[in-house]
PDB file of all heavy atoms in Angstrom:
ATOM      1  N   GLY A   1       9.146  -8.651  19.567  1.00  0.00           N
ATOM      2  CA  GLY A   1      10.323  -9.444  19.221  1.00  0.00           C
ATOM      3  C   GLY A   1      11.481  -8.564  18.807  1.00  0.00           C
ATOM      4  O   GLY A   1      11.592  -7.403  19.219  1.00  0.00           O
ATOM      5  N   ALA A   2      12.347  -9.128  17.983  1.00  0.00           N
ATOM      6  CA  ALA A   2      13.520  -8.385  17.522  1.00  0.00           C
ATOM      7  C   ALA A   2      13.085  -7.231  16.616  1.00  0.00           C
ATOM      8  O   ALA A   2      12.232  -7.391  15.753  1.00  0.00           O
ATOM      9  CB  ALA A   2      14.465  -9.316  16.767  1.00  0.00           C
ATOM     10  N   LEU A   3      13.672  -6.077  16.856  1.00  0.00           N
ATOM     11  CA  LEU A   3      13.393  -4.891  16.050  1.00  0.00           C
ATOM     12  C   LEU A   3      14.634  -4.511  15.247  1.00  0.00           C
ATOM     13  O   LEU A   3      15.760  -4.761  15.684  1.00  0.00           O
ATOM     14  CB  LEU A   3      12.975  -3.723  16.957  1.00  0.00           C
ATOM     15  CG  LEU A   3      11.670  -3.907  17.747  1.00  0.00           C
ATOM     16  CD1 LEU A   3      11.433  -2.719  18.666  1.00  0.00           C
ATOM     17  CD2 LEU A   3      10.484  -4.092  16.809  1.00  0.00           C
ATOM     18  N   PRO A   4      14.465  -3.911  14.082  1.00  0.00           N
ATOM     19  CA  PRO A   4      13.191  -3.504  13.492  1.00  0.00           C
ATOM     20  C   PRO A   4      12.462  -4.661  12.818  1.00  0.00           C
ATOM     21  O   PRO A   4      13.061  -5.674  12.476  1.00  0.00           O
ATOM     22  CB  PRO A   4      13.610  -2.451  12.461  1.00  0.00           C
ATOM     23  CG  PRO A   4      14.975  -2.896  12.020  1.00  0.00           C
ATOM     24  CD  PRO A   4      15.622  -3.458  13.263  1.00  0.00           C
ATOM     25  N   VAL A   5      11.157  -4.480  12.633  1.00  0.00           N
ATOM     26  CA  VAL A   5      10.336  -5.400  11.859  1.00  0.00           C
ATOM     27  C   VAL A   5      10.244  -4.848  10.445  1.00  0.00           C
ATOM     28  O   VAL A   5       9.843  -3.704  10.244  1.00  0.00           O
ATOM     29  CB  VAL A   5       8.920  -5.522  12.460  1.00  0.00           C
ATOM     30  CG1 VAL A   5       8.052  -6.441  11.606  1.00  0.00           C
ATOM     31  CG2 VAL A   5       8.994  -6.032  13.893  1.00  0.00           C
ATOM     32  N   LYS A   6      10.634  -5.669   9.453  1.00  0.00           N
ATOM     33  CA  LYS A   6      10.609  -5.240   8.057  1.00  0.00           C
ATOM     34  C   LYS A   6       9.606  -6.101   7.292  1.00  0.00           C
ATOM     35  O   LYS A   6       9.739  -7.325   7.253  1.00  0.00           O
ATOM     36  CB  LYS A   6      11.995  -5.372   7.416  1.00  0.00           C
ATOM     37  CG  LYS A   6      13.053  -4.469   8.033  1.00  0.00           C
ATOM     38  CD  LYS A   6      14.376  -4.569   7.281  1.00  0.00           C
ATOM     39  CE  LYS A   6      15.407  -3.614   7.834  1.00  0.00           C
ATOM     40  NZ  LYS A   6      16.674  -3.636   7.047  1.00  0.00           N
ATOM     41  N   LEU A   7       8.605  -5.452   6.705  1.00  0.00           N
ATOM     42  CA  LEU A   7       7.521  -6.167   6.052  1.00  0.00           C
ATOM     43  C   LEU A   7       7.212  -5.559   4.686  1.00  0.00           C
ATOM     44  O   LEU A   7       7.406  -4.360   4.467  1.00  0.00           O
ATOM     45  CB  LEU A   7       6.253  -6.103   6.916  1.00  0.00           C
ATOM     46  CG  LEU A   7       6.346  -6.716   8.319  1.00  0.00           C
ATOM     47  CD1 LEU A   7       5.116  -6.355   9.136  1.00  0.00           C
ATOM     48  CD2 LEU A   7       6.506  -8.226   8.236  1.00  0.00           C
ATOM     49  N   TRP A   8       6.693  -6.406   3.789  1.00  0.00           N
ATOM     50  CA  TRP A   8       6.183  -5.905   2.511  1.00  0.00           C
ATOM     51  C   TRP A   8       4.834  -6.553   2.244  1.00  0.00           C
ATOM     52  O   TRP A   8       4.504  -7.590   2.825  1.00  0.00           O
ATOM     53  CB  TRP A   8       7.171  -6.175   1.366  1.00  0.00           C
ATOM     54  CG  TRP A   8       7.238  -7.602   0.880  1.00  0.00           C
ATOM     55  CD1 TRP A   8       8.016  -8.605   1.393  1.00  0.00           C
ATOM     56  CD2 TRP A   8       6.523  -8.176  -0.218  1.00  0.00           C
ATOM     57  NE1 TRP A   8       7.823  -9.773   0.690  1.00  0.00           N
ATOM     58  CE2 TRP A   8       6.919  -9.536  -0.312  1.00  0.00           C
ATOM     59  CE3 TRP A   8       5.602  -7.682  -1.137  1.00  0.00           C
ATOM     60  CZ2 TRP A   8       6.404 -10.395  -1.290  1.00  0.00           C
ATOM     61  CZ3 TRP A   8       5.094  -8.535  -2.108  1.00  0.00           C
ATOM     62  CH2 TRP A   8       5.493  -9.875  -2.171  1.00  0.00           C
ATOM     63  N   TYR A   9       4.062  -5.938   1.376  1.00  0.00           N
ATOM     64  CA  TYR A   9       2.716  -6.429   1.087  1.00  0.00           C
ATOM     65  C   TYR A   9       2.323  -5.986  -0.306  1.00  0.00           C
ATOM     66  O   TYR A   9       2.938  -5.096  -0.914  1.00  0.00           O
ATOM     67  CB  TYR A   9       1.716  -5.903   2.120  1.00  0.00           C
ATOM     68  CG  TYR A   9       1.785  -4.416   2.353  1.00  0.00           C
ATOM     69  CD1 TYR A   9       0.958  -3.544   1.655  1.00  0.00           C
ATOM     70  CD2 TYR A   9       2.688  -3.876   3.267  1.00  0.00           C
ATOM     71  CE1 TYR A   9       1.025  -2.174   1.854  1.00  0.00           C
ATOM     72  CE2 TYR A   9       2.767  -2.504   3.475  1.00  0.00           C
ATOM     73  CZ  TYR A   9       1.938  -1.663   2.766  1.00  0.00           C
ATOM     74  OH  TYR A   9       2.011  -0.311   2.956  1.00  0.00           O
ATOM     75  N   SER A  10       1.282  -6.597  -0.822  1.00  0.00           N
ATOM     76  CA  SER A  10       0.819  -6.296  -2.172  1.00  0.00           C
ATOM     77  C   SER A  10      -0.662  -6.609  -2.247  1.00  0.00           C
ATOM     78  O   SER A  10      -1.120  -7.582  -1.647  1.00  0.00           O
ATOM     79  CB  SER A  10       1.589  -7.129  -3.206  1.00  0.00           C
ATOM     80  OG  SER A  10       1.077  -6.947  -4.503  1.00  0.00           O
ATOM     81  N   GLY A  11      -1.409  -5.777  -2.975  1.00  0.00           N
ATOM     82  CA  GLY A  11      -2.819  -6.077  -3.091  1.00  0.00           C
ATOM     83  C   GLY A  11      -3.631  -4.956  -3.686  1.00  0.00           C
ATOM     84  O   GLY A  11      -3.095  -4.019  -4.279  1.00  0.00           O
ATOM     85  N   SER A  12      -4.949  -5.054  -3.497  1.00  0.00           N
ATOM     86  CA  SER A  12      -5.899  -4.099  -4.047  1.00  0.00           C
ATOM     87  C   SER A  12      -6.316  -3.088  -2.986  1.00  0.00           C
ATOM     88  O   SER A  12      -6.494  -3.439  -1.813  1.00  0.00           O
ATOM     89  CB  SER A  12      -7.138  -4.833  -4.566  1.00  0.00           C
ATOM     90  OG  SER A  12      -6.815  -5.676  -5.648  1.00  0.00           O
ATOM     91  N   TYR A  13      -6.512  -1.846  -3.432  1.00  0.00           N
ATOM     92  CA  TYR A  13      -6.931  -0.760  -2.553  1.00  0.00           C
ATOM     93  C   TYR A  13      -8.048   0.015  -3.249  1.00  0.00           C
ATOM     94  O   TYR A  13      -8.203  -0.071  -4.473  1.00  0.00           O
ATOM     95  CB  TYR A  13      -5.737   0.144  -2.198  1.00  0.00           C
ATOM     96  CG  TYR A  13      -4.702  -0.638  -1.433  1.00  0.00           C
ATOM     97  CD1 TYR A  13      -3.765  -1.433  -2.102  1.00  0.00           C
ATOM     98  CD2 TYR A  13      -4.704  -0.653  -0.050  1.00  0.00           C
ATOM     99  CE1 TYR A  13      -2.862  -2.202  -1.401  1.00  0.00           C
ATOM    100  CE2 TYR A  13      -3.792  -1.427   0.659  1.00  0.00           C
ATOM    101  CZ  TYR A  13      -2.875  -2.195  -0.017  1.00  0.00           C
ATOM    102  OH  TYR A  13      -1.990  -2.968   0.675  1.00  0.00           O
ATOM    103  N   TYR A  14      -8.809   0.794  -2.461  1.00  0.00           N
ATOM    104  CA  TYR A  14     -10.049   1.359  -2.978  1.00  0.00           C
ATOM    105  C   TYR A  14     -10.231   2.796  -2.493  1.00  0.00           C
ATOM    106  O   TYR A  14     -10.135   3.072  -1.300  1.00  0.00           O
ATOM    107  CB  TYR A  14     -11.248   0.516  -2.520  1.00  0.00           C
ATOM    108  CG  TYR A  14     -11.065  -0.965  -2.745  1.00  0.00           C
ATOM    109  CD1 TYR A  14     -10.410  -1.760  -1.797  1.00  0.00           C
ATOM    110  CD2 TYR A  14     -11.509  -1.577  -3.913  1.00  0.00           C
ATOM    111  CE1 TYR A  14     -10.225  -3.119  -2.007  1.00  0.00           C
ATOM    112  CE2 TYR A  14     -11.330  -2.933  -4.126  1.00  0.00           C
ATOM    113  CZ  TYR A  14     -10.678  -3.696  -3.172  1.00  0.00           C
ATOM    114  OH  TYR A  14     -10.491  -5.036  -3.380  1.00  0.00           O
ATOM    115  N   ARG A  15     -10.520   3.692  -3.438  1.00  0.00           N
ATOM    116  CA  ARG A  15     -10.857   5.071  -3.077  1.00  0.00           C
ATOM    117  C   ARG A  15     -11.943   5.571  -4.014  1.00  0.00           C
ATOM    118  O   ARG A  15     -11.859   5.377  -5.230  1.00  0.00           O
ATOM    119  CB  ARG A  15      -9.625   5.997  -3.165  1.00  0.00           C
ATOM    120  CG  ARG A  15      -8.539   5.656  -2.156  1.00  0.00           C
ATOM    121  CD  ARG A  15      -7.408   6.662  -2.190  1.00  0.00           C
ATOM    122  NE  ARG A  15      -6.289   6.215  -1.378  1.00  0.00           N
ATOM    123  CZ  ARG A  15      -5.136   6.871  -1.250  1.00  0.00           C
ATOM    124  NH1 ARG A  15      -4.966   8.025  -1.892  1.00  0.00           N
ATOM    125  NH2 ARG A  15      -4.169   6.402  -0.495  1.00  0.00           N
ATOM    126  N   TYR A  16     -12.937   6.235  -3.428  1.00  0.00           N
ATOM    127  CA  TYR A  16     -14.022   6.763  -4.234  1.00  0.00           C
ATOM    128  C   TYR A  16     -13.582   8.103  -4.818  1.00  0.00           C
ATOM    129  O   TYR A  16     -13.784   9.170  -4.227  1.00  0.00           O
ATOM    130  CB  TYR A  16     -15.292   6.928  -3.394  1.00  0.00           C
ATOM    131  CG  TYR A  16     -16.502   7.272  -4.234  1.00  0.00           C
ATOM    132  CD1 TYR A  16     -17.206   6.275  -4.890  1.00  0.00           C
ATOM    133  CD2 TYR A  16     -16.918   8.592  -4.393  1.00  0.00           C
ATOM    134  CE1 TYR A  16     -18.305   6.569  -5.681  1.00  0.00           C
ATOM    135  CE2 TYR A  16     -18.019   8.903  -5.179  1.00  0.00           C
ATOM    136  CZ  TYR A  16     -18.700   7.895  -5.821  1.00  0.00           C
ATOM    137  OH  TYR A  16     -19.783   8.189  -6.611  1.00  0.00           O
ATOM    138  N   GLU A  17     -12.942   8.052  -5.981  1.00  0.00           N
ATOM    139  CA  GLU A  17     -12.437   9.243  -6.647  1.00  0.00           C
ATOM    140  C   GLU A  17     -13.066   9.364  -8.029  1.00  0.00           C
ATOM    141  O   GLU A  17     -13.646   8.416  -8.549  1.00  0.00           O
ATOM    142  CB  GLU A  17     -10.911   9.171  -6.790  1.00  0.00           C
ATOM    143  CG  GLU A  17     -10.170   9.091  -5.470  1.00  0.00           C
ATOM    144  CD  GLU A  17      -8.671   9.190  -5.640  1.00  0.00           C
ATOM    145  OE1 GLU A  17      -8.071   8.194  -6.060  1.00  0.00           O
ATOM    146  OE2 GLU A  17      -8.124  10.254  -5.370  1.00  0.00           O
ATOM    147  N   ARG A  18     -12.921  10.544  -8.628  1.00  0.00           N
ATOM    148  CA  ARG A  18     -13.401  10.735  -9.989  1.00  0.00           C
ATOM    149  C   ARG A  18     -12.464   9.993 -10.928  1.00  0.00           C
ATOM    150  O   ARG A  18     -11.297  10.355 -11.056  1.00  0.00           O
ATOM    151  CB  ARG A  18     -13.434  12.217 -10.332  1.00  0.00           C
ATOM    152  CG  ARG A  18     -13.958  12.519 -11.732  1.00  0.00           C
ATOM    153  CD  ARG A  18     -14.287  13.996 -11.841  1.00  0.00           C
ATOM    154  NE  ARG A  18     -13.115  14.822 -11.568  1.00  0.00           N
ATOM    155  CZ  ARG A  18     -12.301  15.282 -12.516  1.00  0.00           C
ATOM    156  NH1 ARG A  18     -12.516  14.988 -13.783  1.00  0.00           N
ATOM    157  NH2 ARG A  18     -11.258  16.034 -12.198  1.00  0.00           N
ATOM    158  N   PRO A  19     -12.935   8.918 -11.574  1.00  0.00           N
ATOM    159  CA  PRO A  19     -12.036   8.110 -12.401  1.00  0.00           C
ATOM    160  C   PRO A  19     -11.423   8.924 -13.537  1.00  0.00           C
ATOM    161  O   PRO A  19     -12.096   9.704 -14.208  1.00  0.00           O
ATOM    162  CB  PRO A  19     -12.945   6.998 -12.943  1.00  0.00           C
ATOM    163  CG  PRO A  19     -14.085   6.940 -11.984  1.00  0.00           C
ATOM    164  CD  PRO A  19     -14.297   8.354 -11.540  1.00  0.00           C
ATOM    165  N   GLN A  20     -10.132   8.767 -13.735  1.00  0.00           N
ATOM    166  CA  GLN A  20      -9.402   9.377 -14.837  1.00  0.00           C
ATOM    167  C   GLN A  20      -8.130   8.576 -15.035  1.00  0.00           C
ATOM    168  O   GLN A  20      -7.815   7.682 -14.246  1.00  0.00           O
ATOM    169  CB  GLN A  20      -9.078  10.842 -14.549  1.00  0.00           C
ATOM    170  CG  GLN A  20      -8.320  11.058 -13.237  1.00  0.00           C
ATOM    171  CD  GLN A  20      -8.084  12.517 -12.953  1.00  0.00           C
ATOM    172  OE1 GLN A  20      -7.322  13.164 -13.657  1.00  0.00           O
ATOM    173  NE2 GLN A  20      -8.737  13.050 -11.917  1.00  0.00           N
ATOM    174  N   LYS A  21      -7.401   8.878 -16.086  1.00  0.00           N
ATOM    175  CA  LYS A  21      -6.181   8.127 -16.349  1.00  0.00           C
ATOM    176  C   LYS A  21      -5.210   8.283 -15.179  1.00  0.00           C
ATOM    177  O   LYS A  21      -4.854   9.383 -14.789  1.00  0.00           O
ATOM    178  CB  LYS A  21      -5.519   8.626 -17.637  1.00  0.00           C
ATOM    179  CG  LYS A  21      -4.315   7.793 -18.051  1.00  0.00           C
ATOM    180  CD  LYS A  21      -3.769   8.247 -19.388  1.00  0.00           C
ATOM    181  CE  LYS A  21      -2.598   7.375 -19.825  1.00  0.00           C
ATOM    182  NZ  LYS A  21      -2.049   7.784 -21.132  1.00  0.00           N
ATOM    183  N   GLY A  22      -4.820   7.143 -14.609  1.00  0.00           N
ATOM    184  CA  GLY A  22      -3.899   7.159 -13.490  1.00  0.00           C
ATOM    185  C   GLY A  22      -4.556   7.273 -12.133  1.00  0.00           C
ATOM    186  O   GLY A  22      -3.879   7.206 -11.116  1.00  0.00           O
ATOM    187  N   ARG A  23      -5.863   7.472 -12.100  1.00  0.00           N
ATOM    188  CA  ARG A  23      -6.584   7.555 -10.826  1.00  0.00           C
ATOM    189  C   ARG A  23      -7.818   6.676 -10.925  1.00  0.00           C
ATOM    190  O   ARG A  23      -8.756   6.977 -11.649  1.00  0.00           O
ATOM    191  CB  ARG A  23      -6.966   9.000 -10.512  1.00  0.00           C
ATOM    192  CG  ARG A  23      -7.808   9.147  -9.249  1.00  0.00           C
ATOM    193  CD  ARG A  23      -7.989  10.595  -8.859  1.00  0.00           C
ATOM    194  NE  ARG A  23      -6.793  11.118  -8.213  1.00  0.00           N
ATOM    195  CZ  ARG A  23      -6.677  12.382  -7.789  1.00  0.00           C
ATOM    196  NH1 ARG A  23      -7.663  13.226  -7.969  1.00  0.00           N
ATOM    197  NH2 ARG A  23      -5.557  12.768  -7.203  1.00  0.00           N
ATOM    198  N   TYR A  24      -7.798   5.563 -10.179  1.00  0.00           N
ATOM    199  CA  TYR A  24      -8.858   4.573 -10.279  1.00  0.00           C
ATOM    200  C   TYR A  24      -9.483   4.335  -8.912  1.00  0.00           C
ATOM    201  O   TYR A  24      -8.836   4.511  -7.875  1.00  0.00           O
ATOM    202  CB  TYR A  24      -8.301   3.258 -10.830  1.00  0.00           C
ATOM    203  CG  TYR A  24      -7.487   3.434 -12.096  1.00  0.00           C
ATOM    204  CD1 TYR A  24      -6.136   3.133 -12.127  1.00  0.00           C
ATOM    205  CD2 TYR A  24      -8.081   3.922 -13.258  1.00  0.00           C
ATOM    206  CE1 TYR A  24      -5.392   3.301 -13.280  1.00  0.00           C
ATOM    207  CE2 TYR A  24      -7.346   4.098 -14.414  1.00  0.00           C
ATOM    208  CZ  TYR A  24      -5.997   3.781 -14.424  1.00  0.00           C
ATOM    209  OH  TYR A  24      -5.263   3.965 -15.568  1.00  0.00           O
ATOM    210  N   ARG A  25     -10.721   3.881  -8.930  1.00  0.00           N
ATOM    211  CA  ARG A  25     -11.378   3.556  -7.664  1.00  0.00           C
ATOM    212  C   ARG A  25     -10.895   2.232  -7.090  1.00  0.00           C
ATOM    213  O   ARG A  25     -10.968   2.017  -5.885  1.00  0.00           O
ATOM    214  CB  ARG A  25     -12.894   3.551  -7.870  1.00  0.00           C
ATOM    215  CG  ARG A  25     -13.433   4.939  -8.167  1.00  0.00           C
ATOM    216  CD  ARG A  25     -14.928   4.949  -8.436  1.00  0.00           C
ATOM    217  NE  ARG A  25     -15.406   6.326  -8.584  1.00  0.00           N
ATOM    218  CZ  ARG A  25     -16.646   6.660  -8.871  1.00  0.00           C
ATOM    219  NH1 ARG A  25     -17.558   5.710  -9.057  1.00  0.00           N
ATOM    220  NH2 ARG A  25     -16.990   7.914  -8.972  1.00  0.00           N
ATOM    221  N   HIS A  26     -10.443   1.368  -7.944  1.00  0.00           N
ATOM    222  CA  HIS A  26      -9.788   0.126  -7.519  1.00  0.00           C
ATOM    223  C   HIS A  26      -8.405   0.129  -8.129  1.00  0.00           C
ATOM    224  O   HIS A  26      -8.258   0.213  -9.343  1.00  0.00           O
ATOM    225  CB  HIS A  26     -10.584  -1.090  -7.993  1.00  0.00           C
ATOM    226  CG  HIS A  26      -9.818  -2.374  -7.866  1.00  0.00           C
ATOM    227  ND1 HIS A  26      -9.513  -3.164  -8.947  1.00  0.00           N
ATOM    228  CD2 HIS A  26      -9.275  -2.991  -6.802  1.00  0.00           C
ATOM    229  CE1 HIS A  26      -8.825  -4.214  -8.545  1.00  0.00           C
ATOM    230  NE2 HIS A  26      -8.673  -4.131  -7.244  1.00  0.00           N
ATOM    231  N   PHE A  27      -7.379   0.077  -7.291  1.00  0.00           N
ATOM    232  CA  PHE A  27      -6.016   0.153  -7.795  1.00  0.00           C
ATOM    233  C   PHE A  27      -5.122  -0.827  -7.040  1.00  0.00           C
ATOM    234  O   PHE A  27      -5.503  -1.364  -5.997  1.00  0.00           O
ATOM    235  CB  PHE A  27      -5.465   1.580  -7.696  1.00  0.00           C
ATOM    236  CG  PHE A  27      -5.537   2.187  -6.312  1.00  0.00           C
ATOM    237  CD1 PHE A  27      -4.444   2.178  -5.467  1.00  0.00           C
ATOM    238  CD2 PHE A  27      -6.715   2.777  -5.858  1.00  0.00           C
ATOM    239  CE1 PHE A  27      -4.507   2.735  -4.198  1.00  0.00           C
ATOM    240  CE2 PHE A  27      -6.796   3.342  -4.590  1.00  0.00           C
ATOM    241  CZ  PHE A  27      -5.690   3.321  -3.756  1.00  0.00           C
ATOM    242  N   SER A  28      -3.941  -1.039  -7.592  1.00  0.00           N
ATOM    243  CA  SER A  28      -3.029  -2.054  -7.052  1.00  0.00           C
ATOM    244  C   SER A  28      -1.736  -1.406  -6.580  1.00  0.00           C
ATOM    245  O   SER A  28      -1.201  -0.523  -7.250  1.00  0.00           O
ATOM    246  CB  SER A  28      -2.733  -3.099  -8.133  1.00  0.00           C
ATOM    247  OG  SER A  28      -1.870  -4.086  -7.655  1.00  0.00           O
ATOM    248  N   GLN A  29      -1.250  -1.844  -5.426  1.00  0.00           N
ATOM    249  CA  GLN A  29      -0.015  -1.292  -4.865  1.00  0.00           C
ATOM    250  C   GLN A  29       0.878  -2.392  -4.303  1.00  0.00           C
ATOM    251  O   GLN A  29       0.415  -3.464  -3.938  1.00  0.00           O
ATOM    252  CB  GLN A  29      -0.330  -0.317  -3.721  1.00  0.00           C
ATOM    253  CG  GLN A  29      -0.950   0.985  -4.145  1.00  0.00           C
ATOM    254  CD  GLN A  29      -1.130   1.934  -2.972  1.00  0.00           C
ATOM    255  OE1 GLN A  29      -1.186   1.516  -1.809  1.00  0.00           O
ATOM    256  NE2 GLN A  29      -1.224   3.225  -3.250  1.00  0.00           N
ATOM    257  N   VAL A  30       2.158  -2.068  -4.216  1.00  0.00           N
ATOM    258  CA  VAL A  30       3.112  -2.827  -3.415  1.00  0.00           C
ATOM    259  C   VAL A  30       3.612  -1.875  -2.341  1.00  0.00           C
ATOM    260  O   VAL A  30       3.940  -0.714  -2.641  1.00  0.00           O
ATOM    261  CB  VAL A  30       4.284  -3.344  -4.260  1.00  0.00           C
ATOM    262  CG1 VAL A  30       5.350  -3.988  -3.369  1.00  0.00           C
ATOM    263  CG2 VAL A  30       3.795  -4.352  -5.289  1.00  0.00           C
ATOM    264  N   GLY A  31       3.634  -2.329  -1.102  1.00  0.00           N
ATOM    265  CA  GLY A  31       4.063  -1.473  -0.004  1.00  0.00           C
ATOM    266  C   GLY A  31       5.152  -2.126   0.824  1.00  0.00           C
ATOM    267  O   GLY A  31       5.338  -3.345   0.790  1.00  0.00           O
ATOM    268  N   ALA A  32       5.867  -1.308   1.585  1.00  0.00           N
ATOM    269  CA  ALA A  32       6.921  -1.802   2.465  1.00  0.00           C
ATOM    270  C   ALA A  32       6.970  -0.930   3.713  1.00  0.00           C
ATOM    271  O   ALA A  32       6.764   0.290   3.628  1.00  0.00           O
ATOM    272  CB  ALA A  32       8.269  -1.783   1.757  1.00  0.00           C
ATOM    273  N   GLU A  33       7.243  -1.536   4.853  1.00  0.00           N
ATOM    274  CA  GLU A  33       7.316  -0.805   6.120  1.00  0.00           C
ATOM    275  C   GLU A  33       8.498  -1.309   6.940  1.00  0.00           C
ATOM    276  O   GLU A  33       8.810  -2.506   6.935  1.00  0.00           O
ATOM    277  CB  GLU A  33       6.031  -1.019   6.950  1.00  0.00           C
ATOM    278  CG  GLU A  33       4.717  -0.938   6.185  1.00  0.00           C
ATOM    279  CD  GLU A  33       4.357   0.456   5.724  1.00  0.00           C
ATOM    280  OE1 GLU A  33       4.959   1.437   6.221  1.00  0.00           O
ATOM    281  OE2 GLU A  33       3.460   0.573   4.864  1.00  0.00           O
ATOM    282  N   ILE A  34       9.155  -0.387   7.630  1.00  0.00           N
ATOM    283  CA  ILE A  34      10.168  -0.722   8.635  1.00  0.00           C
ATOM    284  C   ILE A  34       9.685  -0.147   9.958  1.00  0.00           C
ATOM    285  O   ILE A  34       9.488   1.068  10.080  1.00  0.00           O
ATOM    286  CB  ILE A  34      11.548  -0.145   8.288  1.00  0.00           C
ATOM    287  CG1 ILE A  34      12.030  -0.669   6.929  1.00  0.00           C
ATOM    288  CG2 ILE A  34      12.565  -0.500   9.372  1.00  0.00           C
ATOM    289  CD1 ILE A  34      13.386  -0.106   6.505  1.00  0.00           C
ATOM    290  N   LEU A  35       9.487  -1.000  10.956  1.00  0.00           N
ATOM    291  CA  LEU A  35       8.928  -0.584  12.239  1.00  0.00           C
ATOM    292  C   LEU A  35       9.913  -0.825  13.369  1.00  0.00           C
ATOM    293  O   LEU A  35      10.579  -1.871  13.416  1.00  0.00           O
ATOM    294  CB  LEU A  35       7.639  -1.352  12.520  1.00  0.00           C
ATOM    295  CG  LEU A  35       6.522  -1.175  11.485  1.00  0.00           C
ATOM    296  CD1 LEU A  35       5.438  -2.219  11.686  1.00  0.00           C
ATOM    297  CD2 LEU A  35       5.948   0.217  11.588  1.00  0.00           C
ATOM    298  N   GLY A  36      10.020   0.152  14.272  1.00  0.00           N
ATOM    299  CA  GLY A  36      10.813  -0.036  15.470  1.00  0.00           C
ATOM    300  C   GLY A  36      12.171   0.637  15.447  1.00  0.00           C
ATOM    301  O   GLY A  36      13.023   0.303  16.266  1.00  0.00           O
ATOM    302  N   THR A  37      12.388   1.582  14.539  1.00  0.00           N
ATOM    303  CA  THR A  37      13.669   2.284  14.502  1.00  0.00           C
ATOM    304  C   THR A  37      13.469   3.696  13.983  1.00  0.00           C
ATOM    305  O   THR A  37      12.616   3.939  13.128  1.00  0.00           O
ATOM    306  CB  THR A  37      14.682   1.555  13.616  1.00  0.00           C
ATOM    307  OG1 THR A  37      15.898   2.322  13.553  1.00  0.00           O
ATOM    308  CG2 THR A  37      14.167   1.368  12.207  1.00  0.00           C
TER     309      THR A  37
END
């Protein structure tokens, strides 16, 4: 369709890391993407 495509999202993400302050195995993010330009 019409470009660019601009999207945002929010949710839970997961990484098997050594837990410490500021680094969690389950964490929350907000993201944004611009596609097609």
